[in-house]
Amino acid sequence: MGTYPHEVRDLRTARNAVRATAERRAAHSPALHPGARTFRLEHADVYGTTARAEWVLALVPELLTLVTPDPAGAARDHLFLGAIPVPPHNLRWSRVRRELRFATFDGGHSIHGHLAVTPDRLRAYGTLVIDGQDIVADYRVEPRHHGVEVDGMGLDGMGLHGMGLDRAAA
């Protein structure tokens, strides 16, 4: 069974309608920063061996928070390394390439970075340079856990059974 041009056009139209609906809902969302992602350090290694390699690893930011509130432009984008804001003129976020370049000073150390962000924006990886020392880093967004209650019952074994959703009913 082949794909006909009108089927492709209908599929594109349907996808565009779904995308437009999602964008409208996101625009009216009560979330403070719907475009924010906080990445937690998963792994870091020093590139090369120097006398201060272990010392520099202790300076790698544990958290990176990228805030991109306006999909149309980068003028309002922000990056935080832990609690340290990166000055806007030292931040370059390419939505097309999903690359993040930044430079800042935390009061005692210069920190530069070039990270690639995966399309789902759940992982960032690349290099950091702290006081001239190259570091390979991998950051990930931690999964969110949401609890659900229905009529005062949590969805645990008893709650599922009490709602008629136990294994025997499935």
N, C-alpha and C. Protein backbone atom coordinates (compact mmCIF):
# COMPACT_ATOMS: atom_id res chain seq x y z
N MET A 1 0.84 -1.17 0.00
CA MET A 1 0.00 0.00 0.00
C MET A 1 0.89 1.23 0.00
N GLY A 2 0.71 2.10 -0.98
CA GLY A 2 1.55 3.28 -1.13
C GLY A 2 1.00 4.49 -0.40
N THR A 3 1.82 5.51 -0.34
CA THR A 3 1.39 6.77 0.27
C THR A 3 1.05 7.73 -0.86
N TYR A 4 -0.14 8.26 -0.83
CA TYR A 4 -0.59 9.17 -1.86
C TYR A 4 -0.35 10.61 -1.41
N PRO A 5 -0.14 11.52 -2.36
CA PRO A 5 0.14 12.92 -2.00
C PRO A 5 -0.91 13.54 -1.07
N HIS A 6 -2.20 13.23 -1.27
CA HIS A 6 -3.21 13.82 -0.40
C HIS A 6 -3.11 13.27 1.02
N GLU A 7 -2.65 12.01 1.18
CA GLU A 7 -2.47 11.44 2.52
C GLU A 7 -1.33 12.15 3.25
N VAL A 8 -0.25 12.43 2.52
CA VAL A 8 0.88 13.14 3.11
C VAL A 8 0.45 14.54 3.52
N ARG A 9 -0.29 15.21 2.66
CA ARG A 9 -0.77 16.57 2.95
C ARG A 9 -1.69 16.54 4.17
N ASP A 10 -2.57 15.55 4.26
CA ASP A 10 -3.47 15.44 5.42
C ASP A 10 -2.69 15.17 6.69
N LEU A 11 -1.66 14.34 6.60
CA LEU A 11 -0.84 14.04 7.77
C LEU A 11 -0.09 15.30 8.23
N ARG A 12 0.46 16.05 7.28
CA ARG A 12 1.16 17.29 7.64
C ARG A 12 0.19 18.29 8.26
N THR A 13 -0.99 18.39 7.71
CA THR A 13 -1.99 19.30 8.25
C THR A 13 -2.36 18.91 9.67
N ALA A 14 -2.55 17.61 9.90
CA ALA A 14 -2.89 17.13 11.24
C ALA A 14 -1.75 17.40 12.22
N ARG A 15 -0.51 17.15 11.81
CA ARG A 15 0.64 17.41 12.68
C ARG A 15 0.76 18.90 13.00
N ASN A 16 0.57 19.73 12.00
CA ASN A 16 0.65 21.17 12.22
C ASN A 16 -0.45 21.64 13.17
N ALA A 17 -1.63 21.07 13.07
CA ALA A 17 -2.73 21.44 13.97
C ALA A 17 -2.41 21.02 15.40
N VAL A 18 -1.86 19.83 15.57
CA VAL A 18 -1.49 19.36 16.91
C VAL A 18 -0.40 20.25 17.48
N ARG A 19 0.61 20.58 16.68
CA ARG A 19 1.70 21.44 17.12
C ARG A 19 1.18 22.82 17.51
N ALA A 20 0.28 23.39 16.71
CA ALA A 20 -0.28 24.71 17.01
C ALA A 20 -1.08 24.69 18.30
N THR A 21 -1.84 23.63 18.53
CA THR A 21 -2.60 23.50 19.78
C THR A 21 -1.67 23.42 20.97
N ALA A 22 -0.60 22.64 20.86
CA ALA A 22 0.37 22.51 21.96
C ALA A 22 1.05 23.85 22.24
N GLU A 23 1.38 24.59 21.20
CA GLU A 23 2.02 25.90 21.39
C GLU A 23 1.07 26.89 22.05
N ARG A 24 -0.23 26.86 21.66
CA ARG A 24 -1.22 27.74 22.30
C ARG A 24 -1.36 27.41 23.78
N ARG A 25 -1.42 26.12 24.09
CA ARG A 25 -1.54 25.71 25.50
C ARG A 25 -0.31 26.13 26.29
N ALA A 26 0.87 25.96 25.70
CA ALA A 26 2.11 26.34 26.40
C ALA A 26 2.16 27.84 26.63
N ALA A 27 1.63 28.62 25.68
CA ALA A 27 1.65 30.07 25.83
C ALA A 27 0.76 30.52 26.99
N HIS A 28 -0.30 29.77 27.29
CA HIS A 28 -1.21 30.12 28.38
C HIS A 28 -0.95 29.32 29.65
N SER A 29 0.16 28.59 29.66
CA SER A 29 0.50 27.75 30.81
C SER A 29 0.87 28.61 32.01
N PRO A 30 0.44 28.21 33.20
CA PRO A 30 0.77 28.99 34.38
C PRO A 30 2.20 28.76 34.87
N ALA A 31 2.97 27.92 34.19
CA ALA A 31 4.34 27.63 34.63
C ALA A 31 5.17 28.90 34.60
N LEU A 32 6.05 29.05 35.57
CA LEU A 32 6.88 30.23 35.66
C LEU A 32 7.85 30.31 34.49
N HIS A 33 8.54 29.22 34.19
CA HIS A 33 9.48 29.18 33.09
C HIS A 33 9.29 27.87 32.32
N PRO A 34 8.33 27.81 31.40
CA PRO A 34 8.11 26.56 30.68
C PRO A 34 9.30 26.14 29.83
N GLY A 35 10.16 27.10 29.48
CA GLY A 35 11.33 26.77 28.67
C GLY A 35 12.58 26.51 29.49
N ALA A 36 12.44 26.30 30.80
CA ALA A 36 13.61 26.10 31.66
C ALA A 36 13.98 24.63 31.76
N ARG A 37 15.27 24.38 31.78
CA ARG A 37 15.79 23.03 31.99
C ARG A 37 16.93 23.13 32.99
N THR A 38 16.89 22.30 34.02
CA THR A 38 17.99 22.22 34.97
C THR A 38 18.68 20.88 34.78
N PHE A 39 19.95 20.95 34.42
CA PHE A 39 20.76 19.77 34.18
C PHE A 39 21.64 19.52 35.41
N ARG A 40 21.74 18.27 35.82
CA ARG A 40 22.60 17.88 36.95
C ARG A 40 23.81 17.14 36.40
N LEU A 41 24.98 17.44 36.96
CA LEU A 41 26.21 16.80 36.52
C LEU A 41 26.13 15.29 36.72
N GLU A 42 26.33 14.56 35.64
CA GLU A 42 26.31 13.10 35.68
C GLU A 42 27.74 12.55 35.77
N HIS A 43 28.64 13.17 35.00
CA HIS A 43 30.01 12.67 34.94
C HIS A 43 30.94 13.79 34.46
N ALA A 44 32.14 13.86 35.01
CA ALA A 44 33.15 14.82 34.57
C ALA A 44 34.52 14.18 34.66
N ASP A 45 35.34 14.43 33.66
CA ASP A 45 36.72 13.94 33.63
C ASP A 45 37.62 15.07 33.15
N VAL A 46 38.82 15.11 33.71
CA VAL A 46 39.81 16.08 33.27
C VAL A 46 40.45 15.57 31.99
N TYR A 47 40.62 16.47 31.03
CA TYR A 47 41.28 16.12 29.78
C TYR A 47 42.77 16.37 29.97
N GLY A 48 43.54 15.34 29.91
CA GLY A 48 44.98 15.46 30.15
C GLY A 48 45.26 15.31 31.64
N THR A 49 46.52 15.27 31.97
CA THR A 49 46.90 15.14 33.37
C THR A 49 47.75 16.33 33.78
N THR A 50 47.32 16.99 34.82
CA THR A 50 48.08 18.10 35.38
C THR A 50 48.09 17.94 36.89
N ALA A 51 48.92 18.70 37.53
CA ALA A 51 49.04 18.62 38.98
C ALA A 51 47.75 19.07 39.67
N ARG A 52 47.02 19.95 39.06
CA ARG A 52 45.81 20.47 39.70
C ARG A 52 44.51 19.87 39.15
N ALA A 53 44.60 18.77 38.43
CA ALA A 53 43.43 18.15 37.79
C ALA A 53 42.32 17.83 38.78
N GLU A 54 42.66 17.16 39.88
CA GLU A 54 41.64 16.80 40.87
C GLU A 54 41.03 18.04 41.52
N TRP A 55 41.85 19.03 41.75
CA TRP A 55 41.38 20.27 42.36
C TRP A 55 40.37 20.97 41.45
N VAL A 56 40.63 20.98 40.14
CA VAL A 56 39.73 21.64 39.19
C VAL A 56 38.41 20.87 39.08
N LEU A 57 38.44 19.55 39.18
CA LEU A 57 37.20 18.77 39.12
C LEU A 57 36.22 19.19 40.21
N ALA A 58 36.73 19.60 41.35
CA ALA A 58 35.86 20.03 42.45
C ALA A 58 35.14 21.34 42.12
N LEU A 59 35.62 22.08 41.11
CA LEU A 59 35.02 23.36 40.73
C LEU A 59 33.96 23.23 39.64
N VAL A 60 33.79 22.03 39.09
CA VAL A 60 32.79 21.84 38.02
C VAL A 60 31.40 22.09 38.60
N PRO A 61 30.61 22.97 37.94
CA PRO A 61 29.27 23.25 38.46
C PRO A 61 28.40 21.99 38.51
N GLU A 62 27.74 21.77 39.62
CA GLU A 62 26.87 20.61 39.81
C GLU A 62 25.58 20.75 39.00
N LEU A 63 25.08 22.00 38.88
CA LEU A 63 23.83 22.26 38.17
C LEU A 63 24.02 23.32 37.10
N LEU A 64 23.35 23.13 35.97
CA LEU A 64 23.23 24.15 34.92
C LEU A 64 21.75 24.36 34.67
N THR A 65 21.30 25.60 34.69
CA THR A 65 19.90 25.88 34.39
C THR A 65 19.84 26.80 33.19
N LEU A 66 19.23 26.32 32.12
CA LEU A 66 19.05 27.08 30.89
C LEU A 66 17.60 27.51 30.82
N VAL A 67 17.38 28.83 30.72
CA VAL A 67 16.03 29.38 30.63
C VAL A 67 15.89 30.02 29.26
N THR A 68 14.94 29.51 28.46
CA THR A 68 14.69 30.03 27.11
C THR A 68 13.20 30.34 26.99
N PRO A 69 12.77 31.50 27.53
CA PRO A 69 11.34 31.80 27.57
C PRO A 69 10.71 32.20 26.24
N ASP A 70 11.50 32.65 25.28
CA ASP A 70 10.94 33.15 24.03
C ASP A 70 11.44 32.32 22.86
N PRO A 71 10.59 31.44 22.29
CA PRO A 71 11.03 30.62 21.17
C PRO A 71 11.43 31.43 19.93
N ALA A 72 10.97 32.67 19.84
CA ALA A 72 11.23 33.48 18.66
C ALA A 72 12.61 34.14 18.69
N GLY A 73 13.23 34.23 19.85
CA GLY A 73 14.52 34.91 19.91
C GLY A 73 15.28 34.61 21.18
N ALA A 74 16.57 34.91 21.14
CA ALA A 74 17.45 34.60 22.26
C ALA A 74 17.69 35.78 23.20
N ALA A 75 17.02 36.89 22.99
CA ALA A 75 17.29 38.10 23.78
C ALA A 75 17.02 37.91 25.27
N ARG A 76 16.07 37.05 25.62
CA ARG A 76 15.72 36.86 27.04
C ARG A 76 16.25 35.55 27.62
N ASP A 77 17.14 34.86 26.91
CA ASP A 77 17.70 33.60 27.40
C ASP A 77 18.66 33.87 28.56
N HIS A 78 18.69 32.93 29.50
CA HIS A 78 19.57 33.03 30.67
C HIS A 78 20.18 31.67 30.95
N LEU A 79 21.37 31.69 31.53
CA LEU A 79 22.04 30.47 31.98
C LEU A 79 22.57 30.71 33.38
N PHE A 80 22.39 29.73 34.24
CA PHE A 80 22.91 29.78 35.61
C PHE A 80 23.79 28.56 35.82
N LEU A 81 24.98 28.78 36.36
CA LEU A 81 25.88 27.70 36.77
C LEU A 81 25.73 27.61 38.27
N GLY A 82 24.90 26.68 38.73
CA GLY A 82 24.52 26.68 40.14
C GLY A 82 23.71 27.94 40.38
N ALA A 83 24.17 28.81 41.27
CA ALA A 83 23.47 30.07 41.54
C ALA A 83 24.12 31.24 40.81
N ILE A 84 25.16 30.99 40.04
CA ILE A 84 25.91 32.06 39.37
C ILE A 84 25.30 32.32 37.99
N PRO A 85 24.80 33.55 37.76
CA PRO A 85 24.26 33.85 36.42
C PRO A 85 25.39 34.13 35.43
N VAL A 86 25.21 33.68 34.21
CA VAL A 86 26.14 33.99 33.13
C VAL A 86 25.66 35.30 32.50
N PRO A 87 26.54 36.30 32.39
CA PRO A 87 26.11 37.55 31.76
C PRO A 87 25.57 37.30 30.35
N PRO A 88 24.48 37.96 29.98
CA PRO A 88 23.86 37.71 28.67
C PRO A 88 24.83 37.89 27.49
N HIS A 89 25.76 38.83 27.58
CA HIS A 89 26.69 39.04 26.47
C HIS A 89 27.73 37.92 26.36
N ASN A 90 27.80 37.03 27.36
CA ASN A 90 28.72 35.89 27.33
C ASN A 90 28.00 34.56 27.12
N LEU A 91 26.76 34.62 26.67
CA LEU A 91 25.95 33.43 26.45
C LEU A 91 25.51 33.36 25.00
N ARG A 92 25.73 32.22 24.38
CA ARG A 92 25.26 31.96 23.02
C ARG A 92 24.53 30.63 23.03
N TRP A 93 23.22 30.65 22.78
CA TRP A 93 22.41 29.44 22.69
C TRP A 93 21.86 29.36 21.28
N SER A 94 22.26 28.33 20.54
CA SER A 94 21.78 28.13 19.18
C SER A 94 20.67 27.09 19.23
N ARG A 95 19.44 27.53 18.99
CA ARG A 95 18.31 26.59 18.98
C ARG A 95 18.40 25.62 17.80
N VAL A 96 18.93 26.09 16.69
CA VAL A 96 19.03 25.26 15.49
C VAL A 96 20.05 24.14 15.70
N ARG A 97 21.23 24.50 16.18
CA ARG A 97 22.29 23.50 16.39
C ARG A 97 22.24 22.88 17.77
N ARG A 98 21.44 23.47 18.66
CA ARG A 98 21.33 23.02 20.05
C ARG A 98 22.70 23.04 20.73
N GLU A 99 23.42 24.15 20.52
CA GLU A 99 24.72 24.33 21.14
C GLU A 99 24.66 25.48 22.13
N LEU A 100 25.36 25.28 23.22
CA LEU A 100 25.41 26.27 24.29
C LEU A 100 26.87 26.65 24.51
N ARG A 101 27.17 27.94 24.34
CA ARG A 101 28.52 28.46 24.59
C ARG A 101 28.40 29.56 25.62
N PHE A 102 29.32 29.54 26.58
CA PHE A 102 29.23 30.55 27.63
C PHE A 102 30.59 30.80 28.25
N ALA A 103 30.70 31.92 28.93
CA ALA A 103 31.90 32.28 29.68
C ALA A 103 31.45 33.12 30.86
N THR A 104 32.04 32.86 32.02
CA THR A 104 31.70 33.64 33.21
C THR A 104 32.86 33.57 34.20
N PHE A 105 32.71 34.28 35.27
CA PHE A 105 33.69 34.32 36.35
C PHE A 105 32.92 34.19 37.64
N ASP A 106 33.28 33.21 38.48
CA ASP A 106 32.51 32.98 39.71
C ASP A 106 33.06 33.73 40.92
N GLY A 107 33.95 34.68 40.68
CA GLY A 107 34.55 35.44 41.77
C GLY A 107 35.96 34.99 42.07
N GLY A 108 36.32 33.78 41.64
CA GLY A 108 37.67 33.28 41.86
C GLY A 108 38.22 32.49 40.69
N HIS A 109 37.33 32.05 39.79
CA HIS A 109 37.74 31.17 38.71
C HIS A 109 36.99 31.52 37.43
N SER A 110 37.71 31.48 36.30
CA SER A 110 37.03 31.67 35.01
C SER A 110 36.47 30.33 34.55
N ILE A 111 35.26 30.36 34.02
CA ILE A 111 34.59 29.14 33.55
C ILE A 111 34.05 29.41 32.15
N HIS A 112 34.48 28.59 31.20
CA HIS A 112 34.01 28.65 29.82
C HIS A 112 33.41 27.29 29.49
N GLY A 113 32.45 27.27 28.59
CA GLY A 113 31.86 26.00 28.21
C GLY A 113 31.35 25.97 26.79
N HIS A 114 31.35 24.78 26.21
CA HIS A 114 30.75 24.52 24.91
C HIS A 114 30.06 23.16 25.03
N LEU A 115 28.72 23.20 25.12
CA LEU A 115 27.94 21.99 25.33
C LEU A 115 26.94 21.80 24.20
N ALA A 116 26.75 20.56 23.81
CA ALA A 116 25.70 20.19 22.86
C ALA A 116 24.52 19.67 23.68
N VAL A 117 23.31 20.04 23.28
CA VAL A 117 22.10 19.62 23.97
C VAL A 117 21.32 18.69 23.04
N THR A 118 20.88 17.56 23.56
CA THR A 118 20.14 16.60 22.74
C THR A 118 18.80 17.20 22.31
N PRO A 119 18.21 16.70 21.22
CA PRO A 119 16.94 17.26 20.73
C PRO A 119 15.82 17.29 21.77
N ASP A 120 15.77 16.30 22.67
CA ASP A 120 14.73 16.30 23.69
C ASP A 120 15.08 17.19 24.89
N ARG A 121 16.23 17.82 24.85
CA ARG A 121 16.71 18.74 25.89
C ARG A 121 16.79 18.06 27.26
N LEU A 122 17.16 16.78 27.27
CA LEU A 122 17.30 16.05 28.52
C LEU A 122 18.76 15.74 28.86
N ARG A 123 19.67 16.07 27.94
CA ARG A 123 21.09 15.80 28.17
C ARG A 123 21.92 16.89 27.52
N ALA A 124 22.98 17.31 28.21
CA ALA A 124 23.94 18.27 27.67
C ALA A 124 25.33 17.70 27.92
N TYR A 125 26.17 17.73 26.90
CA TYR A 125 27.51 17.16 27.04
C TYR A 125 28.49 17.98 26.21
N GLY A 126 29.74 18.00 26.66
CA GLY A 126 30.76 18.75 25.93
C GLY A 126 31.94 19.06 26.83
N THR A 127 32.53 20.23 26.62
CA THR A 127 33.72 20.59 27.36
C THR A 127 33.51 21.87 28.17
N LEU A 128 34.15 21.88 29.32
CA LEU A 128 34.24 23.07 30.16
C LEU A 128 35.73 23.38 30.29
N VAL A 129 36.04 24.66 30.44
CA VAL A 129 37.41 25.07 30.71
C VAL A 129 37.36 25.91 31.98
N ILE A 130 37.99 25.40 33.03
CA ILE A 130 38.01 26.11 34.31
C ILE A 130 39.46 26.46 34.61
N ASP A 131 39.73 27.76 34.67
CA ASP A 131 41.10 28.26 34.90
C ASP A 131 42.11 27.61 33.96
N GLY A 132 41.72 27.44 32.69
CA GLY A 132 42.62 26.91 31.68
C GLY A 132 42.69 25.39 31.62
N GLN A 133 42.00 24.69 32.50
CA GLN A 133 42.01 23.22 32.51
C GLN A 133 40.79 22.69 31.77
N ASP A 134 40.99 21.84 30.75
CA ASP A 134 39.90 21.26 29.97
C ASP A 134 39.25 20.12 30.73
N ILE A 135 37.91 20.11 30.72
CA ILE A 135 37.14 19.09 31.41
C ILE A 135 36.04 18.61 30.48
N VAL A 136 35.86 17.31 30.39
CA VAL A 136 34.75 16.72 29.63
C VAL A 136 33.61 16.51 30.62
N ALA A 137 32.41 17.01 30.27
CA ALA A 137 31.29 16.92 31.22
C ALA A 137 30.04 16.40 30.54
N ASP A 138 29.23 15.71 31.32
CA ASP A 138 27.95 15.16 30.86
C ASP A 138 26.90 15.52 31.89
N TYR A 139 25.87 16.27 31.47
CA TYR A 139 24.79 16.70 32.34
C TYR A 139 23.49 16.06 31.87
N ARG A 140 22.61 15.77 32.81
CA ARG A 140 21.30 15.20 32.48
C ARG A 140 20.20 15.86 33.30
N VAL A 141 19.01 15.95 32.71
CA VAL A 141 17.85 16.43 33.44
C VAL A 141 17.32 15.26 34.25
N GLU A 142 17.15 15.48 35.54
CA GLU A 142 16.64 14.40 36.38
C GLU A 142 15.16 14.18 36.08
N PRO A 143 14.73 12.93 36.07
CA PRO A 143 13.31 12.67 35.82
C PRO A 143 12.46 13.24 36.95
N ARG A 144 11.29 13.72 36.57
CA ARG A 144 10.36 14.24 37.57
C ARG A 144 9.43 13.13 38.00
N HIS A 145 9.13 13.12 39.29
CA HIS A 145 8.21 12.12 39.83
C HIS A 145 6.97 12.85 40.34
N HIS A 146 5.83 12.39 39.92
CA HIS A 146 4.58 13.00 40.33
C HIS A 146 3.74 11.97 41.06
N GLY A 147 3.23 12.35 42.21
CA GLY A 147 2.31 11.48 42.93
C GLY A 147 0.88 11.75 42.48
N VAL A 148 0.08 10.74 42.50
CA VAL A 148 -1.31 10.88 42.07
C VAL A 148 -2.20 10.37 43.19
N GLU A 149 -3.23 11.13 43.50
CA GLU A 149 -4.22 10.68 44.46
C GLU A 149 -5.59 10.75 43.82
N VAL A 150 -6.37 9.71 44.03
CA VAL A 150 -7.73 9.66 43.52
C VAL A 150 -8.64 9.41 44.71
N ASP A 151 -9.51 10.35 45.00
CA ASP A 151 -10.42 10.24 46.14
C ASP A 151 -9.69 9.89 47.43
N GLY A 152 -8.55 10.54 47.64
CA GLY A 152 -7.82 10.35 48.88
C GLY A 152 -6.97 9.10 48.94
N MET A 153 -6.94 8.29 47.86
CA MET A 153 -6.12 7.08 47.85
C MET A 153 -4.95 7.28 46.91
N GLY A 154 -3.75 6.98 47.38
CA GLY A 154 -2.59 6.98 46.51
C GLY A 154 -2.66 5.78 45.59
N LEU A 155 -1.97 5.84 44.48
CA LEU A 155 -1.99 4.72 43.54
C LEU A 155 -0.92 3.70 43.92
N ASP A 156 -1.07 3.11 45.07
CA ASP A 156 -0.21 2.00 45.49
C ASP A 156 -1.01 0.71 45.30
N GLY A 157 -0.53 -0.39 45.85
CA GLY A 157 -1.24 -1.67 45.69
C GLY A 157 -2.66 -1.62 46.20
N MET A 158 -2.88 -1.02 47.39
CA MET A 158 -4.22 -0.96 47.96
C MET A 158 -5.12 -0.03 47.15
N GLY A 159 -4.55 1.09 46.72
CA GLY A 159 -5.35 2.04 45.95
C GLY A 159 -5.79 1.45 44.63
N LEU A 160 -4.90 0.73 43.95
CA LEU A 160 -5.27 0.11 42.68
C LEU A 160 -6.35 -0.94 42.89
N HIS A 161 -6.19 -1.73 43.95
CA HIS A 161 -7.18 -2.77 44.23
C HIS A 161 -8.52 -2.12 44.58
N GLY A 162 -8.46 -1.07 45.40
CA GLY A 162 -9.69 -0.42 45.82
C GLY A 162 -10.44 0.23 44.66
N MET A 163 -9.73 0.56 43.59
CA MET A 163 -10.37 1.17 42.43
C MET A 163 -10.76 0.15 41.38
N GLY A 164 -10.55 -1.13 41.70
CA GLY A 164 -10.89 -2.17 40.73
C GLY A 164 -9.86 -2.30 39.62
N LEU A 165 -8.64 -1.82 39.87
CA LEU A 165 -7.59 -1.88 38.83
C LEU A 165 -6.50 -2.85 39.19
N ASP A 166 -6.81 -3.85 39.98
CA ASP A 166 -5.80 -4.84 40.35
C ASP A 166 -5.56 -5.78 39.16
N ARG A 167 -4.63 -6.67 39.29
CA ARG A 167 -4.24 -7.56 38.19
C ARG A 167 -5.39 -8.48 37.76
N ALA A 168 -6.22 -8.89 38.71
CA ALA A 168 -7.33 -9.80 38.36
C ALA A 168 -8.33 -9.08 37.46
N ALA A 169 -8.48 -7.77 37.66
CA ALA A 169 -9.46 -7.04 36.85
C ALA A 169 -8.90 -6.67 35.51
N ALA A 170 -7.55 -6.68 35.35
CA ALA A 170 -6.93 -6.24 34.09
C ALA A 170 -7.03 -7.26 33.00
